[in-house]
Every structure is written in C-alpha cells, then in structure tokens.
Amino acid sequence: MATDILAEITGMLVEIVGDEYLLAEEVTMRTTFNEDLALESIEFVALAELLHHRYGAEVDLMGFLAEKDMDAILAMSVGELVTHIGRITHTSPARAAAGTSPASAG
C-alpha cells in the first residue's frame, strides 16, 4: 500500500514541479519536501489540491501541516505524508466500502 501511495505522490510531484527536476533524484520515503525537492508554498497548495481530488477531504494536507511547527514542516519527508495518507485511507470506512483503488480512481 505504501509503495502505491508513494508512486501516486511522486506522480503528483512530477505534475507540479516538472519531471526534469525529479529525474535528477528518485523520490523515496526519505526525500524531504524542503531540502530535497525545494517545494514552495504554492506547490504545497497544488499538492494539497491533487491529494484532495485523489483521496477526498479526509486527506487534508493543510490540516496535517497545521499540526506541525515550522521546523517539523521544513524537515517533513515524503514518507511522513505517505504514512499519513495510508493511515487515513486504511481506516476510512467509506473508502473500504467503496473499494477505492488507484486503478479505479480517476
């Protein structure tokens, strides 16, 4: 499940920042949004929108970030977001009942 989420987030990041940048270094669970990807705030907003479209309102990136202090936000890894999404989508009864999978979501 985590590898599927990581692949989806990587695809979203390619869409947001362009794949020439991401091709320079593979996105892994340890990749940081600030230091490794140098994501700007507008790109976080774009990522939040893509996550909302893909996973629904339960995966609220801005709410997730609001729970962190500035140092934690700057040090946040892709893996932390993958874990957050996995926890929410795994425990969401609506997702389980709907049988939502990466292939069926569009």
Protein backbone atom coordinates (compact mmCIF):
# COMPACT_ATOMS: atom_id res chain seq x y z
CA MET A 1 0.00 0.00 0.00
CA ALA A 2 2.75 2.48 0.93
CA THR A 3 4.55 1.88 -2.37
CA ASP A 4 1.32 2.62 -4.26
CA ILE A 5 0.84 5.86 -2.31
CA LEU A 6 4.50 6.80 -2.83
CA ALA A 7 4.14 6.23 -6.58
CA GLU A 8 0.98 8.36 -6.68
CA ILE A 9 2.61 11.19 -4.70
CA THR A 10 5.66 11.01 -6.98
CA GLY A 11 3.35 11.35 -9.99
CA MET A 12 1.67 14.36 -8.40
CA LEU A 13 5.04 15.96 -7.68
CA VAL A 14 6.13 15.41 -11.29
CA GLU A 15 2.91 17.11 -12.40
CA ILE A 16 3.55 20.05 -10.05
CA VAL A 17 7.28 20.69 -10.43
CA GLY A 18 8.05 19.06 -13.78
CA ASP A 19 9.81 15.79 -14.28
CA GLU A 20 13.19 17.18 -15.34
CA TYR A 21 13.72 18.25 -11.74
CA LEU A 22 12.54 14.98 -10.22
CA LEU A 23 14.53 12.84 -12.63
CA ALA A 24 17.71 14.21 -11.08
CA GLU A 25 16.93 12.28 -7.90
CA GLU A 26 14.48 9.46 -7.19
CA VAL A 27 11.69 10.31 -4.76
CA THR A 28 11.83 7.95 -1.78
CA MET A 29 10.22 7.78 1.65
CA ARG A 30 13.22 9.75 2.99
CA THR A 31 13.02 12.54 0.39
CA THR A 32 12.25 15.83 2.11
CA PHE A 33 9.89 18.38 0.64
CA ASN A 34 12.02 21.36 1.63
CA GLU A 35 15.67 20.33 1.35
CA ASP A 36 15.50 17.69 -1.40
CA LEU A 37 12.58 18.93 -3.52
CA ALA A 38 12.67 22.63 -2.57
CA LEU A 39 8.87 22.76 -2.74
CA GLU A 40 7.49 26.28 -2.43
CA SER A 41 4.26 27.13 -0.63
CA ILE A 42 2.29 27.45 -3.88
CA GLU A 43 3.46 23.95 -4.82
CA PHE A 44 2.23 22.63 -1.46
CA VAL A 45 -1.15 24.17 -2.26
CA ALA A 46 -1.14 22.43 -5.65
CA LEU A 47 -0.18 19.14 -3.97
CA ALA A 48 -2.99 19.59 -1.43
CA GLU A 49 -5.48 20.05 -4.26
CA LEU A 50 -4.28 16.93 -6.10
CA LEU A 51 -4.39 14.90 -2.88
CA HIS A 52 -7.93 16.13 -2.23
CA HIS A 53 -9.04 15.08 -5.72
CA ARG A 54 -7.38 11.68 -5.41
CA TYR A 55 -8.15 10.73 -1.79
CA GLY A 56 -11.01 13.00 -0.77
CA ALA A 57 -11.41 15.54 2.01
CA GLU A 58 -10.11 13.14 4.68
CA VAL A 59 -6.57 13.69 3.42
CA ASP A 60 -6.21 17.35 4.35
CA LEU A 61 -2.59 18.33 3.68
CA MET A 62 -3.00 21.84 5.03
CA GLY A 63 -4.61 20.48 8.21
CA PHE A 64 -1.79 17.95 8.53
CA LEU A 65 0.80 20.72 8.16
CA ALA A 66 -1.06 22.94 10.65
CA GLU A 67 -0.42 20.34 13.35
CA LYS A 68 3.36 20.74 12.90
CA ASP A 69 5.72 23.50 13.98
CA MET A 70 7.87 25.25 11.39
CA ASP A 71 10.93 23.04 11.97
CA ALA A 72 8.83 19.88 11.53
CA ILE A 73 7.29 21.25 8.32
CA LEU A 74 10.73 22.10 6.91
CA ALA A 75 12.05 18.63 7.80
CA MET A 76 8.97 16.71 6.64
CA SER A 77 9.64 13.74 4.40
CA VAL A 78 7.53 12.23 1.66
CA GLY A 79 7.35 9.16 3.90
CA GLU A 80 5.54 11.12 6.61
CA LEU A 81 2.88 12.12 4.09
CA VAL A 82 2.65 8.56 2.74
CA THR A 83 2.14 7.27 6.30
CA HIS A 84 -0.50 9.93 6.98
CA ILE A 85 -2.42 9.07 3.81
CA GLY A 86 -2.12 5.34 4.47
CA ARG A 87 -3.46 5.73 7.99
CA ILE A 88 -6.43 7.80 6.85
CA THR A 89 -7.35 5.82 3.76
CA HIS A 90 -6.88 2.50 5.54
CA THR A 91 -9.17 3.48 8.42
CA SER A 92 -11.79 5.25 6.33
CA PRO A 93 -14.93 3.06 6.23
CA ALA A 94 -16.24 4.91 3.17
CA ARG A 95 -13.04 4.07 1.23
CA ALA A 96 -13.15 0.42 2.27
CA ALA A 97 -16.84 0.09 1.39
CA ALA A 98 -16.35 1.79 -1.98
CA GLY A 99 -13.37 -0.41 -2.78
CA THR A 100 -11.39 2.59 -3.99
CA SER A 101 -8.08 1.61 -5.54
CA PRO A 102 -5.52 3.59 -7.52
CA ALA A 103 -6.73 1.97 -10.74
CA SER A 104 -10.40 2.76 -10.13
CA ALA A 105 -9.90 6.35 -9.03
CA GLY A 106 -9.66 8.67 -11.85
